[in-house]
Amino acid sequence: MFKDLFNDILKDLGITGYKRPPNLKCPNCYSVMKRISIKILGNYGNNYLELDFCQECESLWFDRGELVKALEIDLKEISKYFPSKTKQSVKGSGKRICPICQKQLTLVNYSKDSNIWVDICSNGCGIFLDSGELELIKLYSLNPLQFSSQTQQEKQPLMSAVSTTSSEEPSTKQDSDTQYQFLNDIKNLAQRIQKVKDQVVYKVKQIEDAIKSKNILELKKLMNKQIFAEELNELGLINQEIRNMYQKYGNQKQIEDLQTHIQNIIKFIDIRSNSLKDRIAVEIEFQQEKEKEISSFELT
């Protein structure tokens, strides 16, 4: 059963809420956020969810309990209302402050193993998401294994998203050979996709560690390179092989599952790249300002 880490943290802390100001300031760029209302189609009629949206950097703030409700929104609607970043990056101050209690937000791995790093208020006021992260969390909630890290024993090609068995018995030896080749092709591509996913997850963790440890030399190196270029190139090659499989075998669910998984990994890379690049740029700028202040102080 999907669990919301934010609720777990609030429960453990047992802290009461703070008074909410009428106009929240974005923790990233300090612009005044807009309070918006979204219709949710539930089992018991329509409900409306209110949340705070930054029109400058396209980030979202969720008061306590709002994110759980937001995940009831259909994935297509989330993509419609909150598409991945369409504007240029808006730099913040380096520190992200809770817009309600003014305490510095804490960076956590959402649901502990999603590899989607988000900012939460340890006082229980709410959770802050960069542009596109709500869509990633929705994708994760639909299939937690897609973005999570796993042990070697737990790993299976595509994490059981792709079945390599068939309910239909081959009628001839030729059919049997074709089916064997088909399943073997599926298995090989699934393993390649899994390898790419593992590389992406590893890089995300390394970058988050560098940001948290304020390793400026490493961050400067990352700013001057395409972080996931190798992985995107491999996914492009796999996509071409999938198109060839459609021509060879026709429409098959296993092929569709492979393609869907690739699309989700590419979306994950796109959204995380934007978020990580923003964080790296902000951290470098923040540290450089601190160094200037220290230098000017020493000169005086």
C-alpha atoms as a PDB file:
ATOM      1  CA  MET A   1       0.000   0.000   0.000  1.00  0.00           C
ATOM      2  CA  PHE A   2       1.357   3.401  -0.962  1.00  0.00           C
ATOM      3  CA  LYS A   3       2.427   5.463   2.032  1.00  0.00           C
ATOM      4  CA  ASP A   4       2.897   9.180   2.253  1.00  0.00           C
ATOM      5  CA  LEU A   5       6.164   9.942   4.052  1.00  0.00           C
ATOM      6  CA  PHE A   6       4.964  13.409   4.925  1.00  0.00           C
ATOM      7  CA  ASN A   7       2.051  12.046   6.971  1.00  0.00           C
ATOM      8  CA  ASP A   8       4.412   9.642   8.751  1.00  0.00           C
ATOM      9  CA  ILE A   9       6.741  12.491   9.712  1.00  0.00           C
ATOM     10  CA  LEU A  10       3.881  14.638  10.991  1.00  0.00           C
ATOM     11  CA  LYS A  11       2.546  11.757  13.044  1.00  0.00           C
ATOM     12  CA  ASP A  12       5.966  11.100  14.580  1.00  0.00           C
ATOM     13  CA  LEU A  13       6.481  14.770  15.422  1.00  0.00           C
ATOM     14  CA  GLY A  14       2.994  15.298  16.810  1.00  0.00           C
ATOM     15  CA  ILE A  15       3.319  19.061  16.370  1.00  0.00           C
ATOM     16  CA  THR A  16       0.371  21.438  16.025  1.00  0.00           C
ATOM     17  CA  GLY A  17       0.108  23.810  13.069  1.00  0.00           C
ATOM     18  CA  TYR A  18       1.094  27.466  12.864  1.00  0.00           C
ATOM     19  CA  LYS A  19      -1.148  30.333  11.845  1.00  0.00           C
ATOM     20  CA  ARG A  20      -1.259  30.573   8.067  1.00  0.00           C
ATOM     21  CA  PRO A  21      -0.558  34.035   6.595  1.00  0.00           C
ATOM     22  CA  PRO A  22      -3.028  35.253   3.929  1.00  0.00           C
ATOM     23  CA  ASN A  23      -0.389  35.441   1.181  1.00  0.00           C
ATOM     24  CA  LEU A  24       2.360  32.825   1.091  1.00  0.00           C
ATOM     25  CA  LYS A  25       5.764  33.617  -0.386  1.00  0.00           C
ATOM     26  CA  CYS A  26       7.384  30.987  -2.594  1.00  0.00           C
ATOM     27  CA  PRO A  27      10.213  29.208  -0.724  1.00  0.00           C
ATOM     28  CA  ASN A  28      12.255  29.193  -3.937  1.00  0.00           C
ATOM     29  CA  CYS A  29      11.951  32.672  -5.461  1.00  0.00           C
ATOM     30  CA  TYR A  30       9.987  34.580  -2.759  1.00  0.00           C
ATOM     31  CA  SER A  31       7.251  35.630  -5.182  1.00  0.00           C
ATOM     32  CA  VAL A  32       3.734  35.772  -3.755  1.00  0.00           C
ATOM     33  CA  MET A  33       2.030  32.471  -4.533  1.00  0.00           C
ATOM     34  CA  LYS A  34      -1.447  32.253  -6.012  1.00  0.00           C
ATOM     35  CA  ARG A  35      -4.119  30.236  -4.182  1.00  0.00           C
ATOM     36  CA  ILE A  36      -5.850  28.070  -6.778  1.00  0.00           C
ATOM     37  CA  SER A  37      -8.785  25.665  -6.656  1.00  0.00           C
ATOM     38  CA  ILE A  38      -8.873  22.377  -8.592  1.00  0.00           C
ATOM     39  CA  LYS A  39     -11.816  20.045  -9.074  1.00  0.00           C
ATOM     40  CA  ILE A  40     -11.249  16.424  -8.019  1.00  0.00           C
ATOM     41  CA  LEU A  41     -13.572  13.763  -9.409  1.00  0.00           C
ATOM     42  CA  GLY A  42     -14.144  11.411  -6.473  1.00  0.00           C
ATOM     43  CA  ASN A  43     -16.371   8.421  -5.798  1.00  0.00           C
ATOM     44  CA  TYR A  44     -18.785  10.604  -3.851  1.00  0.00           C
ATOM     45  CA  GLY A  45     -19.113  13.501  -6.253  1.00  0.00           C
ATOM     46  CA  ASN A  46     -16.852  16.439  -7.038  1.00  0.00           C
ATOM     47  CA  ASN A  47     -14.497  17.884  -4.452  1.00  0.00           C
ATOM     48  CA  TYR A  48     -12.305  20.949  -4.677  1.00  0.00           C
ATOM     49  CA  LEU A  49      -8.680  21.102  -3.622  1.00  0.00           C
ATOM     50  CA  GLU A  50      -7.029  24.413  -2.807  1.00  0.00           C
ATOM     51  CA  LEU A  51      -3.266  24.778  -2.999  1.00  0.00           C
ATOM     52  CA  ASP A  52      -0.612  27.433  -3.608  1.00  0.00           C
ATOM     53  CA  PHE A  53       1.038  27.846  -7.011  1.00  0.00           C
ATOM     54  CA  CYS A  54       4.004  30.079  -7.871  1.00  0.00           C
ATOM     55  CA  GLN A  55       3.484  31.664 -11.277  1.00  0.00           C
ATOM     56  CA  GLU A  56       7.154  32.637 -11.506  1.00  0.00           C
ATOM     57  CA  CYS A  57       8.968  29.314 -10.973  1.00  0.00           C
ATOM     58  CA  GLU A  58       5.889  27.031 -11.320  1.00  0.00           C
ATOM     59  CA  SER A  59       6.452  25.374  -7.948  1.00  0.00           C
ATOM     60  CA  LEU A  60       3.745  24.206  -5.529  1.00  0.00           C
ATOM     61  CA  TRP A  61       3.162  24.483  -1.791  1.00  0.00           C
ATOM     62  CA  PHE A  62       0.873  21.997  -0.049  1.00  0.00           C
ATOM     63  CA  ASP A  63      -0.468  22.628   3.433  1.00  0.00           C
ATOM     64  CA  ARG A  64      -0.630  19.644   5.731  1.00  0.00           C
ATOM     65  CA  GLY A  65      -2.775  16.902   4.147  1.00  0.00           C
ATOM     66  CA  GLU A  66      -3.192  18.621   0.771  1.00  0.00           C
ATOM     67  CA  LEU A  67      -0.668  16.477  -1.092  1.00  0.00           C
ATOM     68  CA  VAL A  68      -2.574  13.283  -0.270  1.00  0.00           C
ATOM     69  CA  LYS A  69      -5.697  14.840  -1.802  1.00  0.00           C
ATOM     70  CA  ALA A  70      -3.728  16.110  -4.806  1.00  0.00           C
ATOM     71  CA  LEU A  71      -2.672  12.559  -5.635  1.00  0.00           C
ATOM     72  CA  GLU A  72      -6.348  11.758  -6.236  1.00  0.00           C
ATOM     73  CA  ILE A  73      -6.156  13.950  -9.344  1.00  0.00           C
ATOM     74  CA  ASP A  74      -5.882  11.966 -12.577  1.00  0.00           C
ATOM     75  CA  LEU A  75      -2.376  11.869 -14.079  1.00  0.00           C
ATOM     76  CA  LYS A  76      -3.555  13.543 -17.297  1.00  0.00           C
ATOM     77  CA  GLU A  77      -5.115  16.362 -15.287  1.00  0.00           C
ATOM     78  CA  ILE A  78      -1.893  16.864 -13.318  1.00  0.00           C
ATOM     79  CA  SER A  79       0.041  17.092 -16.599  1.00  0.00           C
ATOM     80  CA  LYS A  80      -2.547  19.598 -17.841  1.00  0.00           C
ATOM     81  CA  TYR A  81      -2.665  21.824 -14.745  1.00  0.00           C
ATOM     82  CA  PHE A  82       1.003  21.544 -13.764  1.00  0.00           C
ATOM     83  CA  PRO A  83       3.190  20.738 -16.791  1.00  0.00           C
ATOM     84  CA  SER A  84       6.951  20.436 -16.394  1.00  0.00           C
ATOM     85  CA  LYS A  85       8.785  23.737 -16.270  1.00  0.00           C
ATOM     86  CA  THR A  86       8.005  25.986 -19.223  1.00  0.00           C
ATOM     87  CA  LYS A  87       9.714  29.143 -17.955  1.00  0.00           C
ATOM     88  CA  GLN A  88      13.361  29.980 -17.442  1.00  0.00           C
ATOM     89  CA  SER A  89      14.838  29.128 -14.073  1.00  0.00           C
ATOM     90  CA  VAL A  90      14.124  31.647 -11.312  1.00  0.00           C
ATOM     91  CA  LYS A  91      16.933  31.676  -8.780  1.00  0.00           C
ATOM     92  CA  GLY A  92      16.282  31.819  -5.072  1.00  0.00           C
ATOM     93  CA  SER A  93      18.507  32.667  -2.127  1.00  0.00           C
ATOM     94  CA  GLY A  94      20.000  29.236  -1.485  1.00  0.00           C
ATOM     95  CA  LYS A  95      17.908  28.607   1.611  1.00  0.00           C
ATOM     96  CA  ARG A  96      14.305  27.492   1.328  1.00  0.00           C
ATOM     97  CA  ILE A  97      12.164  28.807   4.142  1.00  0.00           C
ATOM     98  CA  CYS A  98       8.726  27.571   5.196  1.00  0.00           C
ATOM     99  CA  PRO A  99       6.233  30.273   4.131  1.00  0.00           C
ATOM    100  CA  ILE A 100       4.188  29.655   7.289  1.00  0.00           C
ATOM    101  CA  CYS A 101       6.581  29.233  10.256  1.00  0.00           C
ATOM    102  CA  GLN A 102       9.732  30.678   8.585  1.00  0.00           C
ATOM    103  CA  LYS A 103      11.861  27.666   9.515  1.00  0.00           C
ATOM    104  CA  GLN A 104      14.336  26.324   6.939  1.00  0.00           C
ATOM    105  CA  LEU A 105      12.848  23.448   4.964  1.00  0.00           C
ATOM    106  CA  THR A 106      14.371  19.971   5.126  1.00  0.00           C
ATOM    107  CA  LEU A 107      15.249  18.010   1.992  1.00  0.00           C
ATOM    108  CA  VAL A 108      13.977  14.411   2.127  1.00  0.00           C
ATOM    109  CA  ASN A 109      13.614  11.455  -0.218  1.00  0.00           C
ATOM    110  CA  TYR A 110       9.857  11.231  -0.757  1.00  0.00           C
ATOM    111  CA  SER A 111       8.422   7.984   0.636  1.00  0.00           C
ATOM    112  CA  LYS A 112      12.011   7.024   1.566  1.00  0.00           C
ATOM    113  CA  ASP A 113      12.886   5.211  -1.677  1.00  0.00           C
ATOM    114  CA  SER A 114      11.322   7.168  -4.560  1.00  0.00           C
ATOM    115  CA  ASN A 115      14.504   9.130  -5.418  1.00  0.00           C
ATOM    116  CA  ILE A 116      12.257  12.188  -5.706  1.00  0.00           C
ATOM    117  CA  TRP A 117      13.789  14.679  -3.276  1.00  0.00           C
ATOM    118  CA  VAL A 118      11.368  17.252  -1.884  1.00  0.00           C
ATOM    119  CA  ASP A 119      11.392  20.001   0.768  1.00  0.00           C
ATOM    120  CA  ILE A 120       9.275  19.571   3.886  1.00  0.00           C
ATOM    121  CA  CYS A 121       8.671  21.675   6.975  1.00  0.00           C
ATOM    122  CA  SER A 122       9.753  19.750  10.081  1.00  0.00           C
ATOM    123  CA  ASN A 123       7.167  21.729  12.059  1.00  0.00           C
ATOM    124  CA  GLY A 124       4.450  20.055  10.019  1.00  0.00           C
ATOM    125  CA  CYS A 125       3.298  23.120   8.085  1.00  0.00           C
ATOM    126  CA  GLY A 126       3.515  21.585   4.623  1.00  0.00           C
ATOM    127  CA  ILE A 127       5.584  20.349   1.706  1.00  0.00           C
ATOM    128  CA  PHE A 128       7.171  22.220  -1.221  1.00  0.00           C
ATOM    129  CA  LEU A 129       7.536  20.765  -4.727  1.00  0.00           C
ATOM    130  CA  ASP A 130       9.551  22.114  -7.633  1.00  0.00           C
ATOM    131  CA  SER A 131       8.006  22.293 -11.093  1.00  0.00           C
ATOM    132  CA  GLY A 132       7.057  18.839 -12.406  1.00  0.00           C
ATOM    133  CA  GLU A 133       7.610  16.982  -9.138  1.00  0.00           C
ATOM    134  CA  LEU A 134       3.891  16.476  -8.474  1.00  0.00           C
ATOM    135  CA  GLU A 135       3.657  14.542 -11.739  1.00  0.00           C
ATOM    136  CA  LEU A 136       6.651  12.409 -10.719  1.00  0.00           C
ATOM    137  CA  ILE A 137       5.112  11.656  -7.324  1.00  0.00           C
ATOM    138  CA  LYS A 138       1.843  10.695  -9.027  1.00  0.00           C
ATOM    139  CA  LEU A 139       3.745   8.338 -11.348  1.00  0.00           C
ATOM    140  CA  TYR A 140       5.532   6.900  -8.329  1.00  0.00           C
ATOM    141  CA  SER A 141       2.255   6.390  -6.458  1.00  0.00           C
ATOM    142  CA  LEU A 142       0.869   4.447  -9.428  1.00  0.00           C
ATOM    143  CA  ASN A 143       3.957   2.223  -9.635  1.00  0.00           C
ATOM    144  CA  PRO A 144       6.386   2.658  -6.697  1.00  0.00           C
ATOM    145  CA  LEU A 145       8.914   0.250  -8.204  1.00  0.00           C
ATOM    146  CA  GLN A 146       9.593   2.469 -11.214  1.00  0.00           C
ATOM    147  CA  PHE A 147      11.800   5.006  -9.415  1.00  0.00           C
ATOM    148  CA  SER A 148      12.777   3.150  -6.242  1.00  0.00           C
ATOM    149  CA  SER A 149      16.121   1.537  -5.476  1.00  0.00           C
ATOM    150  CA  GLN A 150      16.182  -2.215  -4.988  1.00  0.00           C
ATOM    151  CA  THR A 151      18.522  -4.914  -3.773  1.00  0.00           C
ATOM    152  CA  GLN A 152      19.961  -7.389  -6.275  1.00  0.00           C
ATOM    153  CA  GLN A 153      17.550 -10.131  -5.125  1.00  0.00           C
ATOM    154  CA  GLU A 154      14.546  -7.869  -5.627  1.00  0.00           C
ATOM    155  CA  LYS A 155      15.491  -6.862  -9.155  1.00  0.00           C
ATOM    156  CA  GLN A 156      13.591  -8.340 -12.057  1.00  0.00           C
ATOM    157  CA  PRO A 157      13.523  -7.047 -15.627  1.00  0.00           C
ATOM    158  CA  LEU A 158      11.394  -3.913 -15.547  1.00  0.00           C
ATOM    159  CA  MET A 159      10.470  -4.801 -11.967  1.00  0.00           C
ATOM    160  CA  SER A 160       7.639  -7.039 -13.163  1.00  0.00           C
ATOM    161  CA  ALA A 161       6.192  -4.204 -15.240  1.00  0.00           C
ATOM    162  CA  VAL A 162       6.848  -6.423 -18.240  1.00  0.00           C
ATOM    163  CA  SER A 163       5.667 -10.022 -18.285  1.00  0.00           C
ATOM    164  CA  THR A 164       7.849 -12.453 -20.239  1.00  0.00           C
ATOM    165  CA  THR A 165       5.299 -15.244 -20.234  1.00  0.00           C
ATOM    166  CA  SER A 166       2.496 -15.935 -22.665  1.00  0.00           C
ATOM    167  CA  SER A 167      -0.881 -17.536 -22.079  1.00  0.00           C
ATOM    168  CA  GLU A 168      -1.015 -18.747 -25.689  1.00  0.00           C
ATOM    169  CA  GLU A 169       0.610 -22.052 -26.623  1.00  0.00           C
ATOM    170  CA  PRO A 170       2.612 -21.990 -29.896  1.00  0.00           C
ATOM    171  CA  SER A 171       0.927 -24.104 -32.584  1.00  0.00           C
ATOM    172  CA  THR A 172       4.031 -24.947 -34.656  1.00  0.00           C
ATOM    173  CA  LYS A 173       7.794 -25.129 -34.198  1.00  0.00           C
ATOM    174  CA  GLN A 174       8.107 -21.906 -36.203  1.00  0.00           C
ATOM    175  CA  ASP A 175       5.620 -20.208 -33.875  1.00  0.00           C
ATOM    176  CA  SER A 176       7.552 -21.565 -30.910  1.00  0.00           C
ATOM    177  CA  ASP A 177      10.842 -20.201 -32.257  1.00  0.00           C
ATOM    178  CA  THR A 178       9.235 -16.813 -32.948  1.00  0.00           C
ATOM    179  CA  GLN A 179       7.767 -16.665 -29.457  1.00  0.00           C
ATOM    180  CA  TYR A 180      11.105 -17.612 -27.898  1.00  0.00           C
ATOM    181  CA  GLN A 181      12.875 -14.886 -29.901  1.00  0.00           C
ATOM    182  CA  PHE A 182      10.196 -12.356 -28.940  1.00  0.00           C
ATOM    183  CA  LEU A 183      10.488 -13.098 -25.212  1.00  0.00           C
ATOM    184  CA  ASN A 184      14.276 -13.065 -25.430  1.00  0.00           C
ATOM    185  CA  ASP A 185      14.215  -9.652 -27.159  1.00  0.00           C
ATOM    186  CA  ILE A 186      11.847  -8.320 -24.482  1.00  0.00           C
ATOM    187  CA  LYS A 187      14.080  -9.626 -21.703  1.00  0.00           C
ATOM    188  CA  ASN A 188      17.245  -8.104 -23.190  1.00  0.00           C
ATOM    189  CA  LEU A 189      15.646  -4.680 -23.666  1.00  0.00           C
ATOM    190  CA  ALA A 190      14.127  -4.798 -20.171  1.00  0.00           C
ATOM    191  CA  GLN A 191      17.566  -5.470 -18.694  1.00  0.00           C
ATOM    192  CA  ARG A 192      19.057  -2.545 -20.619  1.00  0.00           C
ATOM    193  CA  ILE A 193      16.272  -0.249 -19.406  1.00  0.00           C
ATOM    194  CA  GLN A 194      16.838  -1.437 -15.829  1.00  0.00           C
ATOM    195  CA  LYS A 195      20.559  -0.663 -16.162  1.00  0.00           C
ATOM    196  CA  VAL A 196      19.801   2.876 -17.382  1.00  0.00           C
ATOM    197  CA  LYS A 197      17.362   3.406 -14.518  1.00  0.00           C
ATOM    198  CA  ASP A 198      19.972   2.251 -11.991  1.00  0.00           C
ATOM    199  CA  GLN A 199      22.520   4.692 -13.449  1.00  0.00           C
ATOM    200  CA  VAL A 200      20.036   7.577 -13.268  1.00  0.00           C
ATOM    201  CA  VAL A 201      19.112   6.804  -9.655  1.00  0.00           C
ATOM    202  CA  TYR A 202      22.793   6.537  -8.685  1.00  0.00           C
ATOM    203  CA  LYS A 203      23.596   9.910 -10.274  1.00  0.00           C
ATOM    204  CA  VAL A 204      20.640  11.610  -8.581  1.00  0.00           C
ATOM    205  CA  LYS A 205      21.831  10.359  -5.190  1.00  0.00           C
ATOM    206  CA  GLN A 206      25.410  11.481  -5.863  1.00  0.00           C
ATOM    207  CA  ILE A 207      24.266  14.964  -6.883  1.00  0.00           C
ATOM    208  CA  GLU A 208      21.924  15.320  -3.905  1.00  0.00           C
ATOM    209  CA  ASP A 209      24.811  14.316  -1.619  1.00  0.00           C
ATOM    210  CA  ALA A 210      27.064  16.935  -3.246  1.00  0.00           C
ATOM    211  CA  ILE A 211      24.387  19.608  -2.782  1.00  0.00           C
ATOM    212  CA  LYS A 212      23.775  18.693   0.854  1.00  0.00           C
ATOM    213  CA  SER A 213      27.506  18.576   1.645  1.00  0.00           C
ATOM    214  CA  LYS A 214      28.007  21.866  -0.249  1.00  0.00           C
ATOM    215  CA  ASN A 215      30.803  20.359  -2.361  1.00  0.00           C
ATOM    216  CA  ILE A 216      31.288  23.417  -4.569  1.00  0.00           C
ATOM    217  CA  LEU A 217      34.091  21.952  -6.712  1.00  0.00           C
ATOM    218  CA  GLU A 218      31.933  18.964  -7.612  1.00  0.00           C
ATOM    219  CA  LEU A 219      28.881  21.167  -8.199  1.00  0.00           C
ATOM    220  CA  LYS A 220      30.815  23.431 -10.584  1.00  0.00           C
ATOM    221  CA  LYS A 221      31.843  20.383 -12.609  1.00  0.00           C
ATOM    222  CA  LEU A 222      28.215  19.281 -12.815  1.00  0.00           C
ATOM    223  CA  MET A 223      27.063  22.715 -14.016  1.00  0.00           C
ATOM    224  CA  ASN A 224      29.222  22.421 -17.142  1.00  0.00           C
ATOM    225  CA  LYS A 225      28.025  19.017 -18.322  1.00  0.00           C
ATOM    226  CA  GLN A 226      24.885  17.287 -19.500  1.00  0.00           C
ATOM    227  CA  ILE A 227      24.289  15.115 -16.449  1.00  0.00           C
ATOM    228  CA  PHE A 228      22.199  12.390 -18.066  1.00  0.00           C
ATOM    229  CA  ALA A 229      23.449  12.600 -21.684  1.00  0.00           C
ATOM    230  CA  GLU A 230      24.750   9.025 -21.707  1.00  0.00           C
ATOM    231  CA  GLU A 231      21.505   7.616 -20.311  1.00  0.00           C
ATOM    232  CA  LEU A 232      19.306   9.606 -22.710  1.00  0.00           C
ATOM    233  CA  ASN A 233      21.394   8.410 -25.654  1.00  0.00           C
ATOM    234  CA  GLU A 234      20.969   4.781 -24.562  1.00  0.00           C
ATOM    235  CA  LEU A 235      17.208   5.249 -24.130  1.00  0.00           C
ATOM    236  CA  GLY A 236      17.068   6.682 -27.655  1.00  0.00           C
ATOM    237  CA  LEU A 237      18.777   3.573 -29.020  1.00  0.00           C
ATOM    238  CA  ILE A 238      16.401   1.324 -27.069  1.00  0.00           C
ATOM    239  CA  ASN A 239      13.421   3.290 -28.396  1.00  0.00           C
ATOM    240  CA  GLN A 240      14.599   2.635 -31.945  1.00  0.00           C
ATOM    241  CA  GLU A 241      14.811  -1.093 -31.228  1.00  0.00           C
ATOM    242  CA  ILE A 242      11.304  -0.990 -29.771  1.00  0.00           C
ATOM    243  CA  ARG A 243      10.021   0.594 -32.995  1.00  0.00           C
ATOM    244  CA  ASN A 244      11.693  -2.248 -34.898  1.00  0.00           C
ATOM    245  CA  MET A 245       9.946  -4.759 -32.613  1.00  0.00           C
ATOM    246  CA  TYR A 246       6.557  -3.218 -33.437  1.00  0.00           C
ATOM    247  CA  GLN A 247       7.294  -3.794 -37.129  1.00  0.00           C
ATOM    248  CA  LYS A 248       8.495  -7.337 -36.496  1.00  0.00           C
ATOM    249  CA  TYR A 249       5.937  -8.573 -33.951  1.00  0.00           C
ATOM    250  CA  GLY A 250       3.025  -6.120 -34.213  1.00  0.00           C
ATOM    251  CA  ASN A 251       1.266  -4.528 -31.237  1.00  0.00           C
ATOM    252  CA  GLN A 252       2.088  -6.504 -28.098  1.00  0.00           C
ATOM    253  CA  LYS A 253       1.423  -5.496 -24.489  1.00  0.00           C
ATOM    254  CA  GLN A 254       4.989  -6.323 -23.461  1.00  0.00           C
ATOM    255  CA  ILE A 255       6.349  -3.887 -26.058  1.00  0.00           C
ATOM    256  CA  GLU A 256       3.913  -1.180 -24.926  1.00  0.00           C
ATOM    257  CA  ASP A 257       5.020  -1.717 -21.311  1.00  0.00           C
ATOM    258  CA  LEU A 258       8.643  -1.217 -22.323  1.00  0.00           C
ATOM    259  CA  GLN A 259       7.824   1.996 -24.164  1.00  0.00           C
ATOM    260  CA  THR A 260       5.749   3.358 -21.277  1.00  0.00           C
ATOM    261  CA  HIS A 261       8.569   2.649 -18.861  1.00  0.00           C
ATOM    262  CA  ILE A 262      11.077   4.465 -21.068  1.00  0.00           C
ATOM    263  CA  GLN A 263       8.759   7.484 -21.342  1.00  0.00           C
ATOM    264  CA  ASN A 264       8.489   7.641 -17.547  1.00  0.00           C
ATOM    265  CA  ILE A 265      12.266   7.442 -17.099  1.00  0.00           C
ATOM    266  CA  ILE A 266      12.763  10.239 -19.652  1.00  0.00           C
ATOM    267  CA  LYS A 267      10.169  12.352 -17.825  1.00  0.00           C
ATOM    268  CA  PHE A 268      11.942  11.642 -14.528  1.00  0.00           C
ATOM    269  CA  ILE A 269      15.286  12.687 -16.059  1.00  0.00           C
ATOM    270  CA  ASP A 270      13.812  15.866 -17.560  1.00  0.00           C
ATOM    271  CA  ILE A 271      12.156  17.033 -14.345  1.00  0.00           C
ATOM    272  CA  ARG A 272      15.019  16.052 -12.049  1.00  0.00           C
ATOM    273  CA  SER A 273      17.578  17.674 -14.389  1.00  0.00           C
ATOM    274  CA  ASN A 274      15.783  21.016 -14.175  1.00  0.00           C
ATOM    275  CA  SER A 275      15.410  20.799 -10.416  1.00  0.00           C
ATOM    276  CA  LEU A 276      19.001  19.675  -9.800  1.00  0.00           C
ATOM    277  CA  LYS A 277      20.475  22.306 -12.122  1.00  0.00           C
ATOM    278  CA  ASP A 278      18.493  24.996 -10.298  1.00  0.00           C
ATOM    279  CA  ARG A 279      19.674  23.751  -6.905  1.00  0.00           C
ATOM    280  CA  ILE A 280      23.284  23.546  -8.070  1.00  0.00           C
ATOM    281  CA  ALA A 281      23.228  27.087  -9.514  1.00  0.00           C
ATOM    282  CA  VAL A 282      21.632  28.508  -6.372  1.00  0.00           C
ATOM    283  CA  GLU A 283      24.070  26.728  -4.055  1.00  0.00           C
ATOM    284  CA  ILE A 284      27.109  27.882  -6.053  1.00  0.00           C
ATOM    285  CA  GLU A 285      25.866  31.476  -6.098  1.00  0.00           C
ATOM    286  CA  PHE A 286      25.052  31.350  -2.379  1.00  0.00           C
ATOM    287  CA  GLN A 287      28.510  30.006  -1.475  1.00  0.00           C
ATOM    288  CA  GLN A 288      30.240  32.557  -3.704  1.00  0.00           C
ATOM    289  CA  GLU A 289      28.375  35.379  -1.958  1.00  0.00           C
ATOM    290  CA  LYS A 290      29.458  33.993   1.410  1.00  0.00           C
ATOM    291  CA  GLU A 291      33.083  33.859   0.244  1.00  0.00           C
ATOM    292  CA  LYS A 292      32.879  37.505  -0.889  1.00  0.00           C
ATOM    293  CA  GLU A 293      31.493  38.542   2.488  1.00  0.00           C
ATOM    294  CA  ILE A 294      34.277  36.688   4.305  1.00  0.00           C
ATOM    295  CA  SER A 295      36.941  38.233   2.037  1.00  0.00           C
ATOM    296  CA  SER A 296      35.619  41.769   2.496  1.00  0.00           C
ATOM    297  CA  PHE A 297      35.428  41.226   6.267  1.00  0.00           C
ATOM    298  CA  GLU A 298      39.057  40.031   6.382  1.00  0.00           C
ATOM    299  CA  LEU A 299      40.211  43.054   4.363  1.00  0.00           C
ATOM    300  CA  THR A 300      38.598  45.430   6.826  1.00  0.00           C
END
